Amino acid sequence: MLVEAGFTPVEAIHIATCNGAQFLGDLDRIGTIAPGKQADLVVIKGDPSRQIEDIEKVETVFKDGIGYDSARLIESVKGMVGSR
């Protein structure tokens, strides 16, 4: 929606990550990738900085240092949650 409102994909990603952490008062701990910060990461197939729709092509999610296969997670809850 941010891109539809006129922001570039990079600006939209920054707003959702860095600005979100700053708003929550946690920018010193999360929101950007830097030594000493906590980081849950998402591996995306594509380049959302050029084509924001690629943000939905999640391959792997790293949460607390553990990688999770996105497709397997979605399949495991199919029909129980969400619209996929």
PDB file of N, CA and C in Angstrom:
ATOM      1  N   MET A   1       0.825  -1.188   0.000  1.00  0.00           N
ATOM      2  CA  MET A   1       0.000   0.000   0.000  1.00  0.00           C
ATOM      3  C   MET A   1       0.872   1.256   0.000  1.00  0.00           C
ATOM      4  N   LEU A   2       2.032   1.178   0.641  1.00  0.00           N
ATOM      5  CA  LEU A   2       2.904   2.346   0.653  1.00  0.00           C
ATOM      6  C   LEU A   2       3.391   2.689  -0.754  1.00  0.00           C
ATOM      7  N   VAL A   3       3.706   1.668  -1.543  1.00  0.00           N
ATOM      8  CA  VAL A   3       4.137   1.911  -2.927  1.00  0.00           C
ATOM      9  C   VAL A   3       2.982   2.482  -3.736  1.00  0.00           C
ATOM     10  N   GLU A   4       1.789   1.937  -3.527  1.00  0.00           N
ATOM     11  CA  GLU A   4       0.609   2.469  -4.218  1.00  0.00           C
ATOM     12  C   GLU A   4       0.359   3.926  -3.835  1.00  0.00           C
ATOM     13  N   ALA A   5       0.769   4.316  -2.630  1.00  0.00           N
ATOM     14  CA  ALA A   5       0.591   5.696  -2.168  1.00  0.00           C
ATOM     15  C   ALA A   5       1.661   6.635  -2.694  1.00  0.00           C
ATOM     16  N   GLY A   6       2.683   6.087  -3.402  1.00  0.00           N
ATOM     17  CA  GLY A   6       3.688   6.946  -4.012  1.00  0.00           C
ATOM     18  C   GLY A   6       5.111   6.772  -3.512  1.00  0.00           C
ATOM     19  N   PHE A   7       5.307   5.953  -2.492  1.00  0.00           N
ATOM     20  CA  PHE A   7       6.665   5.702  -2.017  1.00  0.00           C
ATOM     21  C   PHE A   7       7.355   4.721  -2.954  1.00  0.00           C
ATOM     22  N   THR A   8       8.687   4.796  -3.027  1.00  0.00           N
ATOM     23  CA  THR A   8       9.437   3.804  -3.794  1.00  0.00           C
ATOM     24  C   THR A   8       9.457   2.503  -2.994  1.00  0.00           C
ATOM     25  N   PRO A   9       9.738   1.379  -3.644  1.00  0.00           N
ATOM     26  CA  PRO A   9       9.845   0.133  -2.885  1.00  0.00           C
ATOM     27  C   PRO A   9      10.866   0.213  -1.740  1.00  0.00           C
ATOM     28  N   VAL A  10      12.009   0.837  -1.975  1.00  0.00           N
ATOM     29  CA  VAL A  10      13.027   0.962  -0.924  1.00  0.00           C
ATOM     30  C   VAL A  10      12.500   1.799   0.236  1.00  0.00           C
ATOM     31  N   GLU A  11      11.811   2.880  -0.067  1.00  0.00           N
ATOM     32  CA  GLU A  11      11.230   3.709   1.001  1.00  0.00           C
ATOM     33  C   GLU A  11      10.190   2.920   1.796  1.00  0.00           C
ATOM     34  N   ALA A  12       9.380   2.132   1.113  1.00  0.00           N
ATOM     35  CA  ALA A  12       8.351   1.339   1.791  1.00  0.00           C
ATOM     36  C   ALA A  12       8.978   0.308   2.726  1.00  0.00           C
ATOM     37  N   ILE A  13      10.027  -0.353   2.277  1.00  0.00           N
ATOM     38  CA  ILE A  13      10.723  -1.332   3.113  1.00  0.00           C
ATOM     39  C   ILE A  13      11.338  -0.643   4.326  1.00  0.00           C
ATOM     40  N   HIS A  14      11.932   0.512   4.122  1.00  0.00           N
ATOM     41  CA  HIS A  14      12.527   1.281   5.230  1.00  0.00           C
ATOM     42  C   HIS A  14      11.461   1.694   6.251  1.00  0.00           C
ATOM     43  N   ILE A  15      10.330   2.135   5.764  1.00  0.00           N
ATOM     44  CA  ILE A  15       9.237   2.542   6.653  1.00  0.00           C
ATOM     45  C   ILE A  15       8.783   1.351   7.494  1.00  0.00           C
ATOM     46  N   ALA A  16       8.665   0.182   6.873  1.00  0.00           N
ATOM     47  CA  ALA A  16       8.168  -1.003   7.580  1.00  0.00           C
ATOM     48  C   ALA A  16       9.172  -1.580   8.565  1.00  0.00           C
ATOM     49  N   THR A  17      10.448  -1.342   8.350  1.00  0.00           N
ATOM     50  CA  THR A  17      11.468  -1.937   9.215  1.00  0.00           C
ATOM     51  C   THR A  17      12.064  -0.904  10.165  1.00  0.00           C
ATOM     52  N   CYS A  18      12.878  -0.027   9.646  1.00  0.00           N
ATOM     53  CA  CYS A  18      13.580   0.966  10.469  1.00  0.00           C
ATOM     54  C   CYS A  18      12.611   1.933  11.149  1.00  0.00           C
ATOM     55  N   ASN A  19      11.709   2.512  10.381  1.00  0.00           N
ATOM     56  CA  ASN A  19      10.764   3.463  10.972  1.00  0.00           C
ATOM     57  C   ASN A  19       9.844   2.782  11.973  1.00  0.00           C
ATOM     58  N   GLY A  20       9.452   1.537  11.681  1.00  0.00           N
ATOM     59  CA  GLY A  20       8.605   0.792  12.603  1.00  0.00           C
ATOM     60  C   GLY A  20       9.298   0.563  13.934  1.00  0.00           C
ATOM     61  N   ALA A  21      10.566   0.177  13.879  1.00  0.00           N
ATOM     62  CA  ALA A  21      11.341  -0.039  15.108  1.00  0.00           C
ATOM     63  C   ALA A  21      11.536   1.267  15.869  1.00  0.00           C
ATOM     64  N   GLN A  22      11.776   2.339  15.138  1.00  0.00           N
ATOM     65  CA  GLN A  22      11.956   3.646  15.792  1.00  0.00           C
ATOM     66  C   GLN A  22      10.667   4.071  16.493  1.00  0.00           C
ATOM     67  N   PHE A  23       9.532   3.890  15.826  1.00  0.00           N
ATOM     68  CA  PHE A  23       8.241   4.240  16.417  1.00  0.00           C
ATOM     69  C   PHE A  23       7.995   3.458  17.708  1.00  0.00           C
ATOM     70  N   LEU A  24       8.408   2.192  17.717  1.00  0.00           N
ATOM     71  CA  LEU A  24       8.230   1.348  18.899  1.00  0.00           C
ATOM     72  C   LEU A  24       9.265   1.623  19.992  1.00  0.00           C
ATOM     73  N   GLY A  25      10.253   2.470  19.677  1.00  0.00           N
ATOM     74  CA  GLY A  25      11.296   2.776  20.646  1.00  0.00           C
ATOM     75  C   GLY A  25      12.349   1.688  20.749  1.00  0.00           C
ATOM     76  N   ASP A  26      12.447   0.837  19.726  1.00  0.00           N
ATOM     77  CA  ASP A  26      13.369  -0.292  19.747  1.00  0.00           C
ATOM     78  C   ASP A  26      14.452  -0.216  18.677  1.00  0.00           C
ATOM     79  N   LEU A  27      14.688   0.939  18.085  1.00  0.00           N
ATOM     80  CA  LEU A  27      15.647   1.050  16.992  1.00  0.00           C
ATOM     81  C   LEU A  27      17.055   0.646  17.407  1.00  0.00           C
ATOM     82  N   ASP A  28      17.395   0.784  18.683  1.00  0.00           N
ATOM     83  CA  ASP A  28      18.727   0.376  19.134  1.00  0.00           C
ATOM     84  C   ASP A  28      18.864  -1.147  19.170  1.00  0.00           C
ATOM     85  N   ARG A  29      17.745  -1.866  19.073  1.00  0.00           N
ATOM     86  CA  ARG A  29      17.739  -3.319  19.202  1.00  0.00           C
ATOM     87  C   ARG A  29      17.340  -4.045  17.914  1.00  0.00           C
ATOM     88  N   ILE A  30      16.426  -3.436  17.138  1.00  0.00           N
ATOM     89  CA  ILE A  30      15.882  -4.063  15.918  1.00  0.00           C
ATOM     90  C   ILE A  30      15.700  -3.009  14.829  1.00  0.00           C
ATOM     91  N   GLY A  31      15.252  -3.449  13.651  1.00  0.00           N
ATOM     92  CA  GLY A  31      14.871  -2.510  12.594  1.00  0.00           C
ATOM     93  C   GLY A  31      15.874  -2.353  11.476  1.00  0.00           C
ATOM     94  N   THR A  32      17.145  -2.616  11.775  1.00  0.00           N
ATOM     95  CA  THR A  32      18.194  -2.593  10.759  1.00  0.00           C
ATOM     96  C   THR A  32      19.154  -3.738  11.061  1.00  0.00           C
ATOM     97  N   ILE A  33      19.976  -4.076  10.086  1.00  0.00           N
ATOM     98  CA  ILE A  33      20.969  -5.122  10.289  1.00  0.00           C
ATOM     99  C   ILE A  33      22.269  -4.460  10.706  1.00  0.00           C
ATOM    100  N   ALA A  34      22.735  -4.783  11.905  1.00  0.00           N
ATOM    101  CA  ALA A  34      23.974  -4.214  12.433  1.00  0.00           C
ATOM    102  C   ALA A  34      24.501  -5.121  13.544  1.00  0.00           C
ATOM    103  N   PRO A  35      25.811  -5.122  13.766  1.00  0.00           N
ATOM    104  CA  PRO A  35      26.368  -5.945  14.849  1.00  0.00           C
ATOM    105  C   PRO A  35      25.701  -5.622  16.185  1.00  0.00           C
ATOM    106  N   GLY A  36      25.345  -6.673  16.912  1.00  0.00           N
ATOM    107  CA  GLY A  36      24.749  -6.511  18.231  1.00  0.00           C
ATOM    108  C   GLY A  36      23.235  -6.404  18.241  1.00  0.00           C
ATOM    109  N   LYS A  37      22.623  -6.255  17.068  1.00  0.00           N
ATOM    110  CA  LYS A  37      21.164  -6.160  17.014  1.00  0.00           C
ATOM    111  C   LYS A  37      20.554  -7.544  16.819  1.00  0.00           C
ATOM    112  N   GLN A  38      19.319  -7.699  17.295  1.00  0.00           N
ATOM    113  CA  GLN A  38      18.563  -8.919  17.031  1.00  0.00           C
ATOM    114  C   GLN A  38      18.093  -8.864  15.585  1.00  0.00           C
ATOM    115  N   ALA A  39      18.089 -10.005  14.919  1.00  0.00           N
ATOM    116  CA  ALA A  39      17.674  -9.989  13.521  1.00  0.00           C
ATOM    117  C   ALA A  39      16.902 -11.241  13.160  1.00  0.00           C
ATOM    118  N   ASP A  40      15.651 -11.080  12.841  1.00  0.00           N
ATOM    119  CA  ASP A  40      14.877 -12.116  12.178  1.00  0.00           C
ATOM    120  C   ASP A  40      14.885 -11.702  10.709  1.00  0.00           C
ATOM    121  N   LEU A  41      15.292 -12.609   9.840  1.00  0.00           N
ATOM    122  CA  LEU A  41      15.486 -12.261   8.437  1.00  0.00           C
ATOM    123  C   LEU A  41      14.572 -13.073   7.534  1.00  0.00           C
ATOM    124  N   VAL A  42      14.321 -12.533   6.353  1.00  0.00           N
ATOM    125  CA  VAL A  42      13.503 -13.193   5.344  1.00  0.00           C
ATOM    126  C   VAL A  42      14.319 -13.256   4.062  1.00  0.00           C
ATOM    127  N   VAL A  43      14.420 -14.457   3.479  1.00  0.00           N
ATOM    128  CA  VAL A  43      15.085 -14.629   2.184  1.00  0.00           C
ATOM    129  C   VAL A  43      13.996 -14.623   1.129  1.00  0.00           C
ATOM    130  N   ILE A  44      14.146 -13.716   0.175  1.00  0.00           N
ATOM    131  CA  ILE A  44      13.117 -13.505  -0.844  1.00  0.00           C
ATOM    132  C   ILE A  44      13.670 -13.859  -2.218  1.00  0.00           C
ATOM    133  N   LYS A  45      12.871 -14.547  -3.017  1.00  0.00           N
ATOM    134  CA  LYS A  45      13.249 -14.850  -4.392  1.00  0.00           C
ATOM    135  C   LYS A  45      12.807 -13.679  -5.250  1.00  0.00           C
ATOM    136  N   GLY A  46      13.751 -12.840  -5.616  1.00  0.00           N
ATOM    137  CA  GLY A  46      13.446 -11.652  -6.395  1.00  0.00           C
ATOM    138  C   GLY A  46      14.108 -10.443  -5.778  1.00  0.00           C
ATOM    139  N   ASP A  47      13.685  -9.282  -6.193  1.00  0.00           N
ATOM    140  CA  ASP A  47      14.276  -8.034  -5.723  1.00  0.00           C
ATOM    141  C   ASP A  47      13.172  -7.030  -5.407  1.00  0.00           C
ATOM    142  N   PRO A  48      12.677  -7.058  -4.160  1.00  0.00           N
ATOM    143  CA  PRO A  48      11.592  -6.142  -3.806  1.00  0.00           C
ATOM    144  C   PRO A  48      11.998  -4.668  -3.847  1.00  0.00           C
ATOM    145  N   SER A  49      13.289  -4.375  -3.903  1.00  0.00           N
ATOM    146  CA  SER A  49      13.697  -2.973  -4.030  1.00  0.00           C
ATOM    147  C   SER A  49      13.397  -2.436  -5.426  1.00  0.00           C
ATOM    148  N   ARG A  50      13.183  -3.329  -6.373  1.00  0.00           N
ATOM    149  CA  ARG A  50      12.820  -2.928  -7.733  1.00  0.00           C
ATOM    150  C   ARG A  50      11.356  -3.236  -8.042  1.00  0.00           C
ATOM    151  N   GLN A  51      10.895  -4.377  -7.536  1.00  0.00           N
ATOM    152  CA  GLN A  51       9.517  -4.820  -7.796  1.00  0.00           C
ATOM    153  C   GLN A  51       8.920  -5.268  -6.468  1.00  0.00           C
ATOM    154  N   ILE A  52       8.130  -4.409  -5.851  1.00  0.00           N
ATOM    155  CA  ILE A  52       7.646  -4.643  -4.495  1.00  0.00           C
ATOM    156  C   ILE A  52       6.846  -5.943  -4.377  1.00  0.00           C
ATOM    157  N   GLU A  53       6.227  -6.387  -5.456  1.00  0.00           N
ATOM    158  CA  GLU A  53       5.458  -7.624  -5.416  1.00  0.00           C
ATOM    159  C   GLU A  53       6.323  -8.824  -5.033  1.00  0.00           C
ATOM    160  N   ASP A  54       7.629  -8.730  -5.288  1.00  0.00           N
ATOM    161  CA  ASP A  54       8.542  -9.824  -4.929  1.00  0.00           C
ATOM    162  C   ASP A  54       8.592 -10.066  -3.423  1.00  0.00           C
ATOM    163  N   ILE A  55       8.137  -9.103  -2.636  1.00  0.00           N
ATOM    164  CA  ILE A  55       8.147  -9.256  -1.175  1.00  0.00           C
ATOM    165  C   ILE A  55       7.313 -10.458  -0.739  1.00  0.00           C
ATOM    166  N   GLU A  56       6.406 -10.913  -1.596  1.00  0.00           N
ATOM    167  CA  GLU A  56       5.551 -12.056  -1.279  1.00  0.00           C
ATOM    168  C   GLU A  56       6.194 -13.389  -1.663  1.00  0.00           C
ATOM    169  N   LYS A  57       7.354 -13.359  -2.293  1.00  0.00           N
ATOM    170  CA  LYS A  57       8.028 -14.590  -2.737  1.00  0.00           C
ATOM    171  C   LYS A  57       9.029 -15.040  -1.670  1.00  0.00           C
ATOM    172  N   VAL A  58       8.519 -15.343  -0.497  1.00  0.00           N
ATOM    173  CA  VAL A  58       9.360 -15.720   0.640  1.00  0.00           C
ATOM    174  C   VAL A  58       9.835 -17.160   0.469  1.00  0.00           C
ATOM    175  N   GLU A  59      11.146 -17.355   0.526  1.00  0.00           N
ATOM    176  CA  GLU A  59      11.742 -18.680   0.421  1.00  0.00           C
ATOM    177  C   GLU A  59      12.004 -19.268   1.804  1.00  0.00           C
ATOM    178  N   THR A  60      12.648 -18.480   2.666  1.00  0.00           N
ATOM    179  CA  THR A  60      13.040 -18.939   3.996  1.00  0.00           C
ATOM    180  C   THR A  60      12.889 -17.799   4.983  1.00  0.00           C
ATOM    181  N   VAL A  61      12.473 -18.143   6.185  1.00  0.00           N
ATOM    182  CA  VAL A  61      12.375 -17.171   7.271  1.00  0.00           C
ATOM    183  C   VAL A  61      13.327 -17.622   8.369  1.00  0.00           C
ATOM    184  N   PHE A  62      14.184 -16.706   8.839  1.00  0.00           N
ATOM    185  CA  PHE A  62      15.060 -16.998   9.969  1.00  0.00           C
ATOM    186  C   PHE A  62      14.511 -16.287  11.193  1.00  0.00           C
ATOM    187  N   LYS A  63      14.140 -17.071  12.184  1.00  0.00           N
ATOM    188  CA  LYS A  63      13.599 -16.551  13.441  1.00  0.00           C
ATOM    189  C   LYS A  63      14.434 -17.136  14.566  1.00  0.00           C
ATOM    190  N   ASP A  64      15.030 -16.252  15.367  1.00  0.00           N
ATOM    191  CA  ASP A  64      15.891 -16.687  16.472  1.00  0.00           C
ATOM    192  C   ASP A  64      16.986 -17.638  15.994  1.00  0.00           C
ATOM    193  N   GLY A  65      17.523 -17.364  14.806  1.00  0.00           N
ATOM    194  CA  GLY A  65      18.642 -18.137  14.280  1.00  0.00           C
ATOM    195  C   GLY A  65      18.286 -19.455  13.619  1.00  0.00           C
ATOM    196  N   ILE A  66      17.003 -19.763  13.527  1.00  0.00           N
ATOM    197  CA  ILE A  66      16.565 -21.012  12.906  1.00  0.00           C
ATOM    198  C   ILE A  66      15.859 -20.696  11.598  1.00  0.00           C
ATOM    199  N   GLY A  67      16.242 -21.401  10.522  1.00  0.00           N
ATOM    200  CA  GLY A  67      15.626 -21.202   9.218  1.00  0.00           C
ATOM    201  C   GLY A  67      14.400 -22.069   9.046  1.00  0.00           C
ATOM    202  N   TYR A  68      13.335 -21.470   8.503  1.00  0.00           N
ATOM    203  CA  TYR A  68      12.077 -22.178   8.268  1.00  0.00           C
ATOM    204  C   TYR A  68      11.718 -22.067   6.797  1.00  0.00           C
ATOM    205  N   ASP A  69      11.349 -23.186   6.186  1.00  0.00           N
ATOM    206  CA  ASP A  69      10.929 -23.218   4.790  1.00  0.00           C
ATOM    207  C   ASP A  69       9.515 -22.661   4.689  1.00  0.00           C
ATOM    208  N   SER A  70       9.354 -21.570   3.985  1.00  0.00           N
ATOM    209  CA  SER A  70       8.073 -20.879   3.891  1.00  0.00           C
ATOM    210  C   SER A  70       6.984 -21.760   3.293  1.00  0.00           C
ATOM    211  N   ALA A  71       7.278 -22.433   2.212  1.00  0.00           N
ATOM    212  CA  ALA A  71       6.264 -23.257   1.544  1.00  0.00           C
ATOM    213  C   ALA A  71       5.778 -24.380   2.461  1.00  0.00           C
ATOM    214  N   ARG A  72       6.686 -24.993   3.194  1.00  0.00           N
ATOM    215  CA  ARG A  72       6.294 -26.082   4.105  1.00  0.00           C
ATOM    216  C   ARG A  72       5.454 -25.553   5.261  1.00  0.00           C
ATOM    217  N   LEU A  73       5.792 -24.368   5.763  1.00  0.00           N
ATOM    218  CA  LEU A  73       4.998 -23.779   6.840  1.00  0.00           C
ATOM    219  C   LEU A  73       3.577 -23.480   6.385  1.00  0.00           C
ATOM    220  N   ILE A  74       3.448 -22.874   5.209  1.00  0.00           N
ATOM    221  CA  ILE A  74       2.120 -22.544   4.673  1.00  0.00           C
ATOM    222  C   ILE A  74       1.312 -23.817   4.450  1.00  0.00           C
ATOM    223  N   GLU A  75       1.943 -24.836   3.887  1.00  0.00           N
ATOM    224  CA  GLU A  75       1.258 -26.100   3.643  1.00  0.00           C
ATOM    225  C   GLU A  75       0.802 -26.753   4.951  1.00  0.00           C
ATOM    226  N   SER A  76       1.603 -26.613   6.006  1.00  0.00           N
ATOM    227  CA  SER A  76       1.271 -27.269   7.274  1.00  0.00           C
ATOM    228  C   SER A  76       0.046 -26.670   7.964  1.00  0.00           C
ATOM    229  N   VAL A  77      -0.332 -25.448   7.604  1.00  0.00           N
ATOM    230  CA  VAL A  77      -1.502 -24.812   8.227  1.00  0.00           C
ATOM    231  C   VAL A  77      -2.614 -24.532   7.216  1.00  0.00           C
ATOM    232  N   LYS A  78      -2.465 -25.105   6.031  1.00  0.00           N
ATOM    233  CA  LYS A  78      -3.454 -24.899   4.965  1.00  0.00           C
ATOM    234  C   LYS A  78      -4.852 -25.271   5.462  1.00  0.00           C
ATOM    235  N   GLY A  79      -5.797 -24.375   5.262  1.00  0.00           N
ATOM    236  CA  GLY A  79      -7.169 -24.589   5.667  1.00  0.00           C
ATOM    237  C   GLY A  79      -7.457 -24.212   7.114  1.00  0.00           C
ATOM    238  N   MET A  80      -6.397 -23.935   7.896  1.00  0.00           N
ATOM    239  CA  MET A  80      -6.587 -23.588   9.295  1.00  0.00           C
ATOM    240  C   MET A  80      -6.460 -22.082   9.545  1.00  0.00           C
ATOM    241  N   VAL A  81      -5.585 -21.409   8.773  1.00  0.00           N
ATOM    242  CA  VAL A  81      -5.374 -19.967   8.943  1.00  0.00           C
ATOM    243  C   VAL A  81      -5.128 -19.321   7.584  1.00  0.00           C
ATOM    244  N   GLY A  82      -5.348 -18.009   7.509  1.00  0.00           N
ATOM    245  CA  GLY A  82      -5.022 -17.239   6.314  1.00  0.00           C
ATOM    246  C   GLY A  82      -5.890 -17.574   5.118  1.00  0.00           C
ATOM    247  N   SER A  83      -5.490 -16.996   3.978  1.00  0.00           N
ATOM    248  CA  SER A  83      -6.289 -17.158   2.770  1.00  0.00           C
ATOM    249  C   SER A  83      -5.583 -17.952   1.690  1.00  0.00           C
ATOM    250  N   ARG A  84      -4.396 -18.493   1.983  1.00  0.00           N
ATOM    251  CA  ARG A  84      -3.669 -19.231   0.934  1.00  0.00           C
ATOM    252  C   ARG A  84      -4.137 -20.630   0.915  1.00  0.00           C
TER     253      ARG A  84
END
